Structures are given as C-alpha cells and as structure tokens.
Amino acid sequence: MSEIVHEVKSNPWKLGVIYADPDDPRLVVPHRIGLGWTLNMAQPKAWLIVAGILGFWLLRRKR
C-alpha cells in the first residue's frame, strides 16, 4: 500500500508585509494585496538593494 504525503509549505509573508521565500527565485514579487511590488528578502540581492538605498539616503542626509 502506498502512502500519500502532503507537504505543508509555510507562509512566505512575514508580518503580512515582508516576503521571504528562499525557494522562490524571483527577486521582485507582486504585493499580496493591492498594486505594487516588493523584494523577496530571502534573496541576498534584495539585501544589497536595501543596503544601497539606505547608504545613499545616509550619505545624502549628511550634506
């Protein structure tokens, strides 16, 4: 007799607004509700983008 196994995948939306799914290769994903896009924070490139934006903002703020 064969056994059926169902895999339950965890919800990739953290706090309802942050998307983090390491199995999803997309860097940019559509918002869960409404229009717009968000970064897949499980991708290292997303953290580089966030660091770049914060670094640019901090450099512009000091002037």
PDB file of N, CA and C in Angstrom:
ATOM      1  N   MET A   1       0.838  -1.173   0.000  1.00  0.00           N
ATOM      2  CA  MET A   1       0.000   0.000   0.000  1.00  0.00           C
ATOM      3  C   MET A   1       0.889   1.245   0.000  1.00  0.00           C
ATOM      4  N   SER A   2       0.582   2.191  -0.872  1.00  0.00           N
ATOM      5  CA  SER A   2       1.398   3.406  -0.921  1.00  0.00           C
ATOM      6  C   SER A   2       0.817   4.465   0.011  1.00  0.00           C
ATOM      7  N   GLU A   3       1.699   5.279   0.493  1.00  0.00           N
ATOM      8  CA  GLU A   3       1.301   6.317   1.434  1.00  0.00           C
ATOM      9  C   GLU A   3       1.377   7.670   0.740  1.00  0.00           C
ATOM     10  N   ILE A   4       0.365   8.500   0.901  1.00  0.00           N
ATOM     11  CA  ILE A   4       0.339   9.837   0.317  1.00  0.00           C
ATOM     12  C   ILE A   4       0.855  10.810   1.365  1.00  0.00           C
ATOM     13  N   VAL A   5       1.856  11.585   0.973  1.00  0.00           N
ATOM     14  CA  VAL A   5       2.442  12.562   1.880  1.00  0.00           C
ATOM     15  C   VAL A   5       2.173  13.955   1.316  1.00  0.00           C
ATOM     16  N   HIS A   6       1.590  14.796   2.131  1.00  0.00           N
ATOM     17  CA  HIS A   6       1.322  16.177   1.735  1.00  0.00           C
ATOM     18  C   HIS A   6       2.307  17.085   2.459  1.00  0.00           C
ATOM     19  N   GLU A   7       3.006  17.878   1.679  1.00  0.00           N
ATOM     20  CA  GLU A   7       3.948  18.825   2.276  1.00  0.00           C
ATOM     21  C   GLU A   7       3.234  20.149   2.491  1.00  0.00           C
ATOM     22  N   VAL A   8       3.312  20.660   3.696  1.00  0.00           N
ATOM     23  CA  VAL A   8       2.708  21.944   4.015  1.00  0.00           C
ATOM     24  C   VAL A   8       3.809  22.994   3.990  1.00  0.00           C
ATOM     25  N   LYS A   9       3.679  23.944   3.069  1.00  0.00           N
ATOM     26  CA  LYS A   9       4.680  24.993   2.941  1.00  0.00           C
ATOM     27  C   LYS A   9       4.300  26.159   3.839  1.00  0.00           C
ATOM     28  N   SER A  10       5.275  26.708   4.540  1.00  0.00           N
ATOM     29  CA  SER A  10       5.000  27.834   5.423  1.00  0.00           C
ATOM     30  C   SER A  10       4.684  29.085   4.603  1.00  0.00           C
ATOM     31  N   ASN A  11       3.960  29.979   5.207  1.00  0.00           N
ATOM     32  CA  ASN A  11       3.573  31.229   4.557  1.00  0.00           C
ATOM     33  C   ASN A  11       4.815  32.110   4.382  1.00  0.00           C
ATOM     34  N   PRO A  12       5.141  32.532   3.141  1.00  0.00           N
ATOM     35  CA  PRO A  12       6.336  33.339   2.936  1.00  0.00           C
ATOM     36  C   PRO A  12       6.173  34.798   3.364  1.00  0.00           C
ATOM     37  N   TRP A  13       4.968  35.219   3.692  1.00  0.00           N
ATOM     38  CA  TRP A  13       4.734  36.614   4.100  1.00  0.00           C
ATOM     39  C   TRP A  13       4.926  36.743   5.601  1.00  0.00           C
ATOM     40  N   LYS A  14       5.944  37.502   6.001  1.00  0.00           N
ATOM     41  CA  LYS A  14       6.239  37.731   7.410  1.00  0.00           C
ATOM     42  C   LYS A  14       5.585  39.035   7.848  1.00  0.00           C
ATOM     43  N   LEU A  15       4.859  39.005   8.922  1.00  0.00           N
ATOM     44  CA  LEU A  15       4.108  40.152   9.441  1.00  0.00           C
ATOM     45  C   LEU A  15       3.127  40.707   8.409  1.00  0.00           C
ATOM     46  N   GLY A  16       2.830  39.914   7.394  1.00  0.00           N
ATOM     47  CA  GLY A  16       1.872  40.315   6.375  1.00  0.00           C
ATOM     48  C   GLY A  16       2.404  41.263   5.319  1.00  0.00           C
ATOM     49  N   VAL A  17       3.630  41.770   5.477  1.00  0.00           N
ATOM     50  CA  VAL A  17       4.152  42.757   4.524  1.00  0.00           C
ATOM     51  C   VAL A  17       5.542  42.431   3.980  1.00  0.00           C
ATOM     52  N   ILE A  18       6.296  41.573   4.639  1.00  0.00           N
ATOM     53  CA  ILE A  18       7.650  41.237   4.194  1.00  0.00           C
ATOM     54  C   ILE A  18       7.621  39.850   3.563  1.00  0.00           C
ATOM     55  N   TYR A  19       8.055  39.755   2.310  1.00  0.00           N
ATOM     56  CA  TYR A  19       8.058  38.485   1.599  1.00  0.00           C
ATOM     57  C   TYR A  19       9.445  37.865   1.696  1.00  0.00           C
ATOM     58  N   ALA A  20       9.528  36.631   2.163  1.00  0.00           N
ATOM     59  CA  ALA A  20      10.807  35.919   2.276  1.00  0.00           C
ATOM     60  C   ALA A  20      10.584  34.440   1.993  1.00  0.00           C
ATOM     61  N   ASP A  21      10.903  34.029   0.766  1.00  0.00           N
ATOM     62  CA  ASP A  21      10.747  32.630   0.370  1.00  0.00           C
ATOM     63  C   ASP A  21      12.024  32.183  -0.332  1.00  0.00           C
ATOM     64  N   PRO A  22      12.887  31.438   0.349  1.00  0.00           N
ATOM     65  CA  PRO A  22      14.150  31.017  -0.262  1.00  0.00           C
ATOM     66  C   PRO A  22      13.971  30.077  -1.456  1.00  0.00           C
ATOM     67  N   ASP A  23      12.821  29.433  -1.570  1.00  0.00           N
ATOM     68  CA  ASP A  23      12.568  28.538  -2.702  1.00  0.00           C
ATOM     69  C   ASP A  23      12.081  29.288  -3.944  1.00  0.00           C
ATOM     70  N   ASP A  24      11.730  30.553  -3.789  1.00  0.00           N
ATOM     71  CA  ASP A  24      11.251  31.376  -4.899  1.00  0.00           C
ATOM     72  C   ASP A  24      12.448  32.126  -5.492  1.00  0.00           C
ATOM     73  N   PRO A  25      12.803  31.875  -6.759  1.00  0.00           N
ATOM     74  CA  PRO A  25      13.978  32.520  -7.339  1.00  0.00           C
ATOM     75  C   PRO A  25      13.763  33.986  -7.722  1.00  0.00           C
ATOM     76  N   ARG A  26      12.524  34.463  -7.680  1.00  0.00           N
ATOM     77  CA  ARG A  26      12.252  35.851  -8.082  1.00  0.00           C
ATOM     78  C   ARG A  26      12.811  36.834  -7.065  1.00  0.00           C
ATOM     79  N   LEU A  27      13.399  37.916  -7.562  1.00  0.00           N
ATOM     80  CA  LEU A  27      13.899  38.978  -6.695  1.00  0.00           C
ATOM     81  C   LEU A  27      12.767  39.937  -6.332  1.00  0.00           C
ATOM     82  N   VAL A  28      11.900  40.209  -7.294  1.00  0.00           N
ATOM     83  CA  VAL A  28      10.786  41.129  -7.100  1.00  0.00           C
ATOM     84  C   VAL A  28       9.493  40.345  -7.290  1.00  0.00           C
ATOM     85  N   VAL A  29       8.581  40.488  -6.330  1.00  0.00           N
ATOM     86  CA  VAL A  29       7.306  39.771  -6.378  1.00  0.00           C
ATOM     87  C   VAL A  29       6.157  40.772  -6.219  1.00  0.00           C
ATOM     88  N   PRO A  30       4.976  40.449  -6.764  1.00  0.00           N
ATOM     89  CA  PRO A  30       3.839  41.361  -6.594  1.00  0.00           C
ATOM     90  C   PRO A  30       3.364  41.400  -5.145  1.00  0.00           C
ATOM     91  N   HIS A  31       2.835  42.558  -4.758  1.00  0.00           N
ATOM     92  CA  HIS A  31       2.272  42.684  -3.408  1.00  0.00           C
ATOM     93  C   HIS A  31       1.159  41.667  -3.218  1.00  0.00           C
ATOM     94  N   ARG A  32       0.968  41.291  -2.008  1.00  0.00           N
ATOM     95  CA  ARG A  32      -0.067  40.316  -1.670  1.00  0.00           C
ATOM     96  C   ARG A  32      -1.461  40.908  -1.853  1.00  0.00           C
ATOM     97  N   ILE A  33      -1.606  42.154  -1.471  1.00  0.00           N
ATOM     98  CA  ILE A  33      -2.890  42.846  -1.577  1.00  0.00           C
ATOM     99  C   ILE A  33      -2.650  44.183  -2.279  1.00  0.00           C
ATOM    100  N   GLY A  34      -3.447  44.482  -3.262  1.00  0.00           N
ATOM    101  CA  GLY A  34      -3.335  45.765  -3.949  1.00  0.00           C
ATOM    102  C   GLY A  34      -2.299  45.749  -5.058  1.00  0.00           C
ATOM    103  N   LEU A  35      -1.928  46.937  -5.489  1.00  0.00           N
ATOM    104  CA  LEU A  35      -0.970  47.089  -6.572  1.00  0.00           C
ATOM    105  C   LEU A  35       0.428  47.316  -6.025  1.00  0.00           C
ATOM    106  N   GLY A  36       1.421  46.966  -6.807  1.00  0.00           N
ATOM    107  CA  GLY A  36       2.798  47.237  -6.425  1.00  0.00           C
ATOM    108  C   GLY A  36       3.635  45.971  -6.354  1.00  0.00           C
ATOM    109  N   TRP A  37       4.885  46.178  -6.005  1.00  0.00           N
ATOM    110  CA  TRP A  37       5.869  45.099  -5.959  1.00  0.00           C
ATOM    111  C   TRP A  37       6.668  45.198  -4.679  1.00  0.00           C
ATOM    112  N   THR A  38       7.270  44.091  -4.280  1.00  0.00           N
ATOM    113  CA  THR A  38       8.128  44.066  -3.101  1.00  0.00           C
ATOM    114  C   THR A  38       9.311  43.138  -3.368  1.00  0.00           C
ATOM    115  N   LEU A  39      10.337  43.257  -2.569  1.00  0.00           N
ATOM    116  CA  LEU A  39      11.521  42.418  -2.719  1.00  0.00           C
ATOM    117  C   LEU A  39      11.350  41.100  -1.966  1.00  0.00           C
ATOM    118  N   ASN A  40      11.930  40.048  -2.521  1.00  0.00           N
ATOM    119  CA  ASN A  40      11.984  38.758  -1.834  1.00  0.00           C
ATOM    120  C   ASN A  40      13.203  38.811  -0.916  1.00  0.00           C
ATOM    121  N   MET A  41      12.978  39.046   0.364  1.00  0.00           N
ATOM    122  CA  MET A  41      14.066  39.265   1.311  1.00  0.00           C
ATOM    123  C   MET A  41      14.862  37.998   1.616  1.00  0.00           C
ATOM    124  N   ALA A  42      14.489  36.871   1.043  1.00  0.00           N
ATOM    125  CA  ALA A  42      15.275  35.648   1.198  1.00  0.00           C
ATOM    126  C   ALA A  42      16.393  35.589   0.158  1.00  0.00           C
ATOM    127  N   GLN A  43      16.420  36.532  -0.763  1.00  0.00           N
ATOM    128  CA  GLN A  43      17.452  36.595  -1.795  1.00  0.00           C
ATOM    129  C   GLN A  43      18.546  37.581  -1.364  1.00  0.00           C
ATOM    130  N   PRO A  44      19.814  37.190  -1.404  1.00  0.00           N
ATOM    131  CA  PRO A  44      20.898  38.097  -0.998  1.00  0.00           C
ATOM    132  C   PRO A  44      20.917  39.409  -1.787  1.00  0.00           C
ATOM    133  N   LYS A  45      20.519  39.375  -3.043  1.00  0.00           N
ATOM    134  CA  LYS A  45      20.492  40.607  -3.855  1.00  0.00           C
ATOM    135  C   LYS A  45      19.523  41.633  -3.270  1.00  0.00           C
ATOM    136  N   ALA A  46      18.437  41.170  -2.667  1.00  0.00           N
ATOM    137  CA  ALA A  46      17.466  42.084  -2.066  1.00  0.00           C
ATOM    138  C   ALA A  46      18.112  42.863  -0.924  1.00  0.00           C
ATOM    139  N   TRP A  47      18.929  42.189  -0.116  1.00  0.00           N
ATOM    140  CA  TRP A  47      19.612  42.875   0.984  1.00  0.00           C
ATOM    141  C   TRP A  47      20.630  43.882   0.464  1.00  0.00           C
ATOM    142  N   LEU A  48      21.275  43.569  -0.667  1.00  0.00           N
ATOM    143  CA  LEU A  48      22.206  44.531  -1.266  1.00  0.00           C
ATOM    144  C   LEU A  48      21.462  45.776  -1.747  1.00  0.00           C
ATOM    145  N   ILE A  49      20.290  45.593  -2.309  1.00  0.00           N
ATOM    146  CA  ILE A  49      19.487  46.726  -2.760  1.00  0.00           C
ATOM    147  C   ILE A  49      19.062  47.585  -1.573  1.00  0.00           C
ATOM    148  N   VAL A  50      18.597  46.959  -0.512  1.00  0.00           N
ATOM    149  CA  VAL A  50      18.191  47.695   0.685  1.00  0.00           C
ATOM    150  C   VAL A  50      19.384  48.445   1.283  1.00  0.00           C
ATOM    151  N   ALA A  51      20.532  47.785   1.373  1.00  0.00           N
ATOM    152  CA  ALA A  51      21.735  48.438   1.913  1.00  0.00           C
ATOM    153  C   ALA A  51      22.154  49.615   1.033  1.00  0.00           C
ATOM    154  N   GLY A  52      22.057  49.459  -0.280  1.00  0.00           N
ATOM    155  CA  GLY A  52      22.395  50.546  -1.195  1.00  0.00           C
ATOM    156  C   GLY A  52      21.476  51.741  -1.031  1.00  0.00           C
ATOM    157  N   ILE A  53      20.185  51.496  -0.896  1.00  0.00           N
ATOM    158  CA  ILE A  53      19.220  52.587  -0.707  1.00  0.00           C
ATOM    159  C   ILE A  53      19.469  53.290   0.620  1.00  0.00           C
ATOM    160  N   LEU A  54      19.683  52.513   1.687  1.00  0.00           N
ATOM    161  CA  LEU A  54      19.964  53.122   2.995  1.00  0.00           C
ATOM    162  C   LEU A  54      21.277  53.902   2.989  1.00  0.00           C
ATOM    163  N   GLY A  55      22.297  53.335   2.348  1.00  0.00           N
ATOM    164  CA  GLY A  55      23.582  54.026   2.262  1.00  0.00           C
ATOM    165  C   GLY A  55      23.467  55.331   1.497  1.00  0.00           C
ATOM    166  N   PHE A  56      22.764  55.308   0.384  1.00  0.00           N
ATOM    167  CA  PHE A  56      22.556  56.535  -0.402  1.00  0.00           C
ATOM    168  C   PHE A  56      21.796  57.563   0.423  1.00  0.00           C
ATOM    169  N   TRP A  57      20.764  57.119   1.127  1.00  0.00           N
ATOM    170  CA  TRP A  57      19.962  58.035   1.947  1.00  0.00           C
ATOM    171  C   TRP A  57      20.814  58.657   3.056  1.00  0.00           C
ATOM    172  N   LEU A  58      21.649  57.830   3.702  1.00  0.00           N
ATOM    173  CA  LEU A  58      22.507  58.350   4.775  1.00  0.00           C
ATOM    174  C   LEU A  58      23.541  59.331   4.248  1.00  0.00           C
ATOM    175  N   LEU A  59      24.121  59.059   3.084  1.00  0.00           N
ATOM    176  CA  LEU A  59      25.098  59.978   2.506  1.00  0.00           C
ATOM    177  C   LEU A  59      24.457  61.295   2.104  1.00  0.00           C
ATOM    178  N   ARG A  60      23.279  61.255   1.544  1.00  0.00           N
ATOM    179  CA  ARG A  60      22.579  62.479   1.135  1.00  0.00           C
ATOM    180  C   ARG A  60      22.113  63.271   2.344  1.00  0.00           C
ATOM    181  N   ARG A  61      21.808  62.602   3.433  1.00  0.00           N
ATOM    182  CA  ARG A  61      21.299  63.259   4.634  1.00  0.00           C
ATOM    183  C   ARG A  61      22.401  64.051   5.344  1.00  0.00           C
ATOM    184  N   LYS A  62      23.620  63.598   5.282  1.00  0.00           N
ATOM    185  CA  LYS A  62      24.736  64.244   5.997  1.00  0.00           C
ATOM    186  C   LYS A  62      25.129  65.585   5.381  1.00  0.00           C
ATOM    187  N   ARG A  63      24.783  65.791   4.125  1.00  0.00           N
ATOM    188  CA  ARG A  63      25.204  67.037   3.453  1.00  0.00           C
ATOM    189  C   ARG A  63      24.418  68.218   3.876  1.00  0.00           C
TER     190      ARG A  63
END
